[in-house]
Amino acid sequence: MDEERAMAEAAPETLDLRGLKCPLPVLHVRRALGRLPPGGVILVRCTDPLASLDIPNLVRETGDMLVGAARDGRESQFTVRKT
């Protein structure tokens, strides 16, 4: 179990959700969080403007941690850690 956690922390999974529209980005993030071990990290890249509301709300709902959020032009990036 400790090895699994160390691997998850060392190599975050990247979800490239650019081009997908609501509700698809949040559904993909929910599915990815479901398969991550505790301590696992995902980096989400998306262009849906509603993701800036939907993904933080999802993280609050699931009890996981939003580690970071940034916007670069049309693209938003979120870093989420599974608790």
N, C-alpha and C. Protein backbone atom coordinates (compact mmCIF):
# COMPACT_ATOMS: atom_id res chain seq x y z
N MET A 1 0.83 -1.20 0.00
CA MET A 1 0.00 0.00 0.00
C MET A 1 0.87 1.25 0.00
N ASP A 2 1.94 1.27 0.79
CA ASP A 2 2.82 2.43 0.83
C ASP A 2 3.49 2.66 -0.53
N GLU A 3 3.84 1.58 -1.22
CA GLU A 3 4.44 1.72 -2.54
C GLU A 3 3.45 2.34 -3.52
N GLU A 4 2.20 1.91 -3.44
CA GLU A 4 1.16 2.44 -4.32
C GLU A 4 0.97 3.94 -4.07
N ARG A 5 0.97 4.33 -2.83
CA ARG A 5 0.81 5.75 -2.48
C ARG A 5 2.00 6.56 -2.97
N ALA A 6 3.22 6.05 -2.79
CA ALA A 6 4.42 6.75 -3.22
C ALA A 6 4.42 6.95 -4.74
N MET A 7 4.00 5.91 -5.48
CA MET A 7 3.94 6.03 -6.93
C MET A 7 2.91 7.07 -7.35
N ALA A 8 1.76 7.08 -6.69
CA ALA A 8 0.71 8.04 -7.04
C ALA A 8 1.16 9.46 -6.79
N GLU A 9 1.89 9.68 -5.71
CA GLU A 9 2.36 11.02 -5.39
C GLU A 9 3.48 11.46 -6.33
N ALA A 10 4.27 10.52 -6.81
CA ALA A 10 5.41 10.86 -7.66
C ALA A 10 4.99 11.19 -9.09
N ALA A 11 3.96 10.55 -9.59
CA ALA A 11 3.58 10.72 -10.99
C ALA A 11 2.09 11.05 -11.09
N PRO A 12 1.74 12.34 -11.08
CA PRO A 12 0.32 12.66 -11.18
C PRO A 12 -0.25 12.25 -12.54
N GLU A 13 -1.47 11.78 -12.51
CA GLU A 13 -2.18 11.43 -13.74
C GLU A 13 -2.65 12.73 -14.39
N THR A 14 -2.52 12.85 -15.70
CA THR A 14 -2.99 14.03 -16.41
C THR A 14 -4.24 13.68 -17.19
N LEU A 15 -5.28 14.48 -16.98
CA LEU A 15 -6.52 14.33 -17.74
C LEU A 15 -6.59 15.50 -18.72
N ASP A 16 -6.48 15.21 -19.98
CA ASP A 16 -6.59 16.24 -21.02
C ASP A 16 -8.04 16.26 -21.48
N LEU A 17 -8.81 17.17 -20.94
CA LEU A 17 -10.23 17.26 -21.22
C LEU A 17 -10.56 18.48 -22.08
N ARG A 18 -9.55 19.02 -22.74
CA ARG A 18 -9.76 20.18 -23.60
C ARG A 18 -10.72 19.82 -24.72
N GLY A 19 -11.67 20.71 -24.97
CA GLY A 19 -12.65 20.50 -26.02
C GLY A 19 -13.95 19.87 -25.53
N LEU A 20 -13.94 19.28 -24.34
CA LEU A 20 -15.17 18.68 -23.81
C LEU A 20 -16.02 19.75 -23.13
N LYS A 21 -17.32 19.62 -23.26
CA LYS A 21 -18.27 20.57 -22.67
C LYS A 21 -18.97 19.94 -21.47
N CYS A 22 -19.47 20.81 -20.61
CA CYS A 22 -20.22 20.43 -19.42
C CYS A 22 -21.34 19.46 -19.81
N PRO A 23 -21.49 18.39 -19.10
CA PRO A 23 -20.92 17.99 -17.83
C PRO A 23 -19.75 17.02 -17.95
N LEU A 24 -19.24 16.78 -19.17
CA LEU A 24 -18.22 15.75 -19.37
C LEU A 24 -16.94 15.95 -18.55
N PRO A 25 -16.36 17.17 -18.45
CA PRO A 25 -15.13 17.29 -17.67
C PRO A 25 -15.29 16.83 -16.22
N VAL A 26 -16.35 17.25 -15.56
CA VAL A 26 -16.52 16.87 -14.16
C VAL A 26 -16.80 15.37 -14.02
N LEU A 27 -17.47 14.77 -14.99
CA LEU A 27 -17.71 13.33 -14.94
C LEU A 27 -16.41 12.55 -15.08
N HIS A 28 -15.52 13.01 -15.96
CA HIS A 28 -14.21 12.35 -16.12
C HIS A 28 -13.37 12.50 -14.85
N VAL A 29 -13.42 13.68 -14.24
CA VAL A 29 -12.65 13.89 -13.00
C VAL A 29 -13.19 12.99 -11.89
N ARG A 30 -14.51 12.89 -11.77
CA ARG A 30 -15.10 12.03 -10.74
C ARG A 30 -14.65 10.58 -10.93
N ARG A 31 -14.68 10.10 -12.17
CA ARG A 31 -14.25 8.73 -12.45
C ARG A 31 -12.78 8.53 -12.12
N ALA A 32 -11.94 9.51 -12.48
CA ALA A 32 -10.50 9.40 -12.20
C ALA A 32 -10.24 9.39 -10.70
N LEU A 33 -10.96 10.22 -9.94
CA LEU A 33 -10.79 10.23 -8.49
C LEU A 33 -11.20 8.89 -7.88
N GLY A 34 -12.20 8.26 -8.45
CA GLY A 34 -12.67 6.97 -7.94
C GLY A 34 -11.63 5.87 -8.06
N ARG A 35 -10.74 5.97 -9.02
CA ARG A 35 -9.74 4.91 -9.20
C ARG A 35 -8.37 5.25 -8.59
N LEU A 36 -8.24 6.47 -8.07
CA LEU A 36 -6.96 6.87 -7.46
C LEU A 36 -6.84 6.34 -6.04
N PRO A 37 -5.64 5.96 -5.63
CA PRO A 37 -5.43 5.62 -4.22
C PRO A 37 -5.35 6.90 -3.39
N PRO A 38 -5.57 6.82 -2.09
CA PRO A 38 -5.40 8.01 -1.24
C PRO A 38 -4.01 8.62 -1.43
N GLY A 39 -3.96 9.93 -1.56
CA GLY A 39 -2.69 10.62 -1.79
C GLY A 39 -2.38 10.80 -3.26
N GLY A 40 -3.13 10.12 -4.13
CA GLY A 40 -2.93 10.24 -5.57
C GLY A 40 -3.30 11.63 -6.05
N VAL A 41 -2.65 12.07 -7.13
CA VAL A 41 -2.86 13.42 -7.65
C VAL A 41 -3.22 13.34 -9.13
N ILE A 42 -4.18 14.18 -9.53
CA ILE A 42 -4.49 14.31 -10.95
C ILE A 42 -4.34 15.76 -11.35
N LEU A 43 -3.84 15.96 -12.55
CA LEU A 43 -3.74 17.28 -13.16
C LEU A 43 -4.78 17.31 -14.27
N VAL A 44 -5.71 18.26 -14.18
CA VAL A 44 -6.80 18.35 -15.13
C VAL A 44 -6.59 19.57 -16.02
N ARG A 45 -6.66 19.37 -17.33
CA ARG A 45 -6.57 20.47 -18.29
C ARG A 45 -7.87 20.49 -19.07
N CYS A 46 -8.55 21.65 -19.09
CA CYS A 46 -9.82 21.73 -19.81
C CYS A 46 -10.06 23.15 -20.33
N THR A 47 -10.97 23.24 -21.28
CA THR A 47 -11.31 24.53 -21.87
C THR A 47 -12.76 24.94 -21.60
N ASP A 48 -13.53 24.09 -20.96
CA ASP A 48 -14.92 24.41 -20.64
C ASP A 48 -14.95 25.50 -19.57
N PRO A 49 -15.55 26.66 -19.85
CA PRO A 49 -15.56 27.74 -18.87
C PRO A 49 -16.29 27.38 -17.57
N LEU A 50 -17.24 26.47 -17.64
CA LEU A 50 -17.97 26.08 -16.43
C LEU A 50 -17.14 25.19 -15.50
N ALA A 51 -16.04 24.64 -16.00
CA ALA A 51 -15.19 23.79 -15.17
C ALA A 51 -14.63 24.55 -13.97
N SER A 52 -14.45 25.87 -14.12
CA SER A 52 -13.92 26.66 -13.00
C SER A 52 -14.88 26.68 -11.82
N LEU A 53 -16.15 26.38 -12.06
CA LEU A 53 -17.14 26.24 -10.98
C LEU A 53 -17.36 24.76 -10.63
N ASP A 54 -17.48 23.94 -11.66
CA ASP A 54 -17.85 22.54 -11.47
C ASP A 54 -16.80 21.70 -10.76
N ILE A 55 -15.54 21.86 -11.12
CA ILE A 55 -14.50 21.01 -10.53
C ILE A 55 -14.26 21.36 -9.06
N PRO A 56 -14.14 22.64 -8.68
CA PRO A 56 -14.04 22.92 -7.24
C PRO A 56 -15.26 22.44 -6.45
N ASN A 57 -16.46 22.53 -7.03
CA ASN A 57 -17.66 22.02 -6.35
C ASN A 57 -17.60 20.50 -6.19
N LEU A 58 -17.14 19.80 -7.21
CA LEU A 58 -16.99 18.36 -7.13
C LEU A 58 -16.03 17.98 -6.01
N VAL A 59 -14.90 18.68 -5.95
CA VAL A 59 -13.88 18.37 -4.94
C VAL A 59 -14.44 18.61 -3.54
N ARG A 60 -15.21 19.67 -3.35
CA ARG A 60 -15.86 19.90 -2.05
C ARG A 60 -16.82 18.77 -1.71
N GLU A 61 -17.56 18.33 -2.73
CA GLU A 61 -18.54 17.26 -2.56
C GLU A 61 -17.89 15.94 -2.16
N THR A 62 -16.77 15.62 -2.79
CA THR A 62 -16.10 14.33 -2.55
C THR A 62 -15.22 14.36 -1.31
N GLY A 63 -14.88 15.55 -0.82
CA GLY A 63 -13.99 15.65 0.33
C GLY A 63 -12.52 15.58 -0.03
N ASP A 64 -12.21 15.61 -1.33
CA ASP A 64 -10.82 15.60 -1.75
C ASP A 64 -10.27 17.02 -1.69
N MET A 65 -9.02 17.22 -2.12
CA MET A 65 -8.36 18.51 -1.94
C MET A 65 -7.99 19.14 -3.28
N LEU A 66 -8.44 20.37 -3.48
CA LEU A 66 -8.03 21.14 -4.65
C LEU A 66 -6.70 21.79 -4.29
N VAL A 67 -5.62 21.27 -4.84
CA VAL A 67 -4.27 21.74 -4.51
C VAL A 67 -3.94 23.02 -5.26
N GLY A 68 -4.43 23.13 -6.49
CA GLY A 68 -4.13 24.32 -7.27
C GLY A 68 -5.10 24.50 -8.41
N ALA A 69 -5.27 25.75 -8.83
CA ALA A 69 -6.11 26.09 -9.97
C ALA A 69 -5.48 27.27 -10.68
N ALA A 70 -5.42 27.18 -12.00
CA ALA A 70 -4.82 28.26 -12.79
C ALA A 70 -5.56 28.37 -14.12
N ARG A 71 -5.45 29.53 -14.72
CA ARG A 71 -6.07 29.76 -16.02
C ARG A 71 -5.04 30.41 -16.93
N ASP A 72 -4.93 29.91 -18.15
CA ASP A 72 -4.01 30.46 -19.14
C ASP A 72 -4.79 30.61 -20.44
N GLY A 73 -5.27 31.81 -20.70
CA GLY A 73 -6.11 32.02 -21.87
C GLY A 73 -7.42 31.29 -21.71
N ARG A 74 -7.74 30.41 -22.65
CA ARG A 74 -8.98 29.62 -22.58
C ARG A 74 -8.84 28.36 -21.75
N GLU A 75 -7.62 27.97 -21.43
CA GLU A 75 -7.40 26.70 -20.74
C GLU A 75 -7.32 26.89 -19.22
N SER A 76 -8.03 26.03 -18.52
CA SER A 76 -7.95 25.97 -17.06
C SER A 76 -7.21 24.71 -16.67
N GLN A 77 -6.45 24.81 -15.57
CA GLN A 77 -5.74 23.65 -15.04
C GLN A 77 -6.06 23.54 -13.56
N PHE A 78 -6.34 22.31 -13.13
CA PHE A 78 -6.64 22.04 -11.73
C PHE A 78 -5.77 20.88 -11.27
N THR A 79 -5.27 20.98 -10.07
CA THR A 79 -4.53 19.89 -9.45
C THR A 79 -5.34 19.43 -8.26
N VAL A 80 -5.69 18.14 -8.25
CA VAL A 80 -6.56 17.58 -7.23
C VAL A 80 -5.87 16.39 -6.57
N ARG A 81 -5.88 16.39 -5.23
CA ARG A 81 -5.30 15.26 -4.46
C ARG A 81 -6.43 14.47 -3.82
N LYS A 82 -6.39 13.15 -4.01
CA LYS A 82 -7.36 12.24 -3.40
C LYS A 82 -7.04 12.09 -1.92
N THR A 83 -8.06 12.27 -1.08
CA THR A 83 -7.83 12.13 0.37
C THR A 83 -8.19 10.76 0.85
